[in-house]
């Protein structure tokens, strides 16, 4: 990782009727900061009438032995490049990523008309959420049974913003798997729970859980509990923080026995 260029992802949440209008609103920002649009999506389920546009570009920073410092520096340098009127907000860092949120619509309107907020991420090793599309099953052709173990992760975050919770969950998931996908975000008491599908492991459920816990590098995980063929372990912060990751749950199920459940 040392010596690699750090990638910046700049996501703008903007009031728009459709993708074309959202991209047009971000045209001036693109000319100013460079890069290319890598994702555009309707986020009206979170904020009615809003679209998100994500731009990727090189940060100009390289990973060093102190990767956390390089990641945070890449985020701060980008924010400062937007102009002196933009104060640098606190930067959260959970290698391989660091991020911050600019949440002042009046100020952001000069960059992107109709902008609600701007999210800035720096990644070492590239953004793990950008993946090649998985082909859909061909109608009438039975799929081969999936081998190995299916891994799921739940991250409980003390925050009132879905975007902030997702970013922290993505940072955690990227330590375990490069193909983690957020499946839903739901309230869990005063926390937000982010559910992540980590994909498959070739190992047994017990070994897969132990490997995942080792990758996360935190102490205090519970003993593995079994419910049928599924194994689960949990971690909780003591005391519960006012902001940030409060708890995690890892579960592993033999892929042949894995069944998707759809939340109400």
Foldseek 3Di string as FASTA:
>chain_A
DFFAFKKKKKKWKFQADDQVRQVVLQVQVCVQPPFAWDDKADPCVPPNRIIMTIGMDTQPFGAHPPNQVRQVVSAQVVQPSVDPVRDDDDWAGQPQKIKDKAADQVVCCVNGNGTRIMIMMIGDPDQLARDDDDDDDDPPDDDDQDFAKWKKKKWWWQDPDPVVSVVQVSSLLVLQASHKDWDDWDDDPNTIITMIGRGGDNDQFVVSVVSSCVSSPDPAKDDWDDDPQKTKIKHADVPQDNGTTGMMMMMMGGSNPDDDDDDD
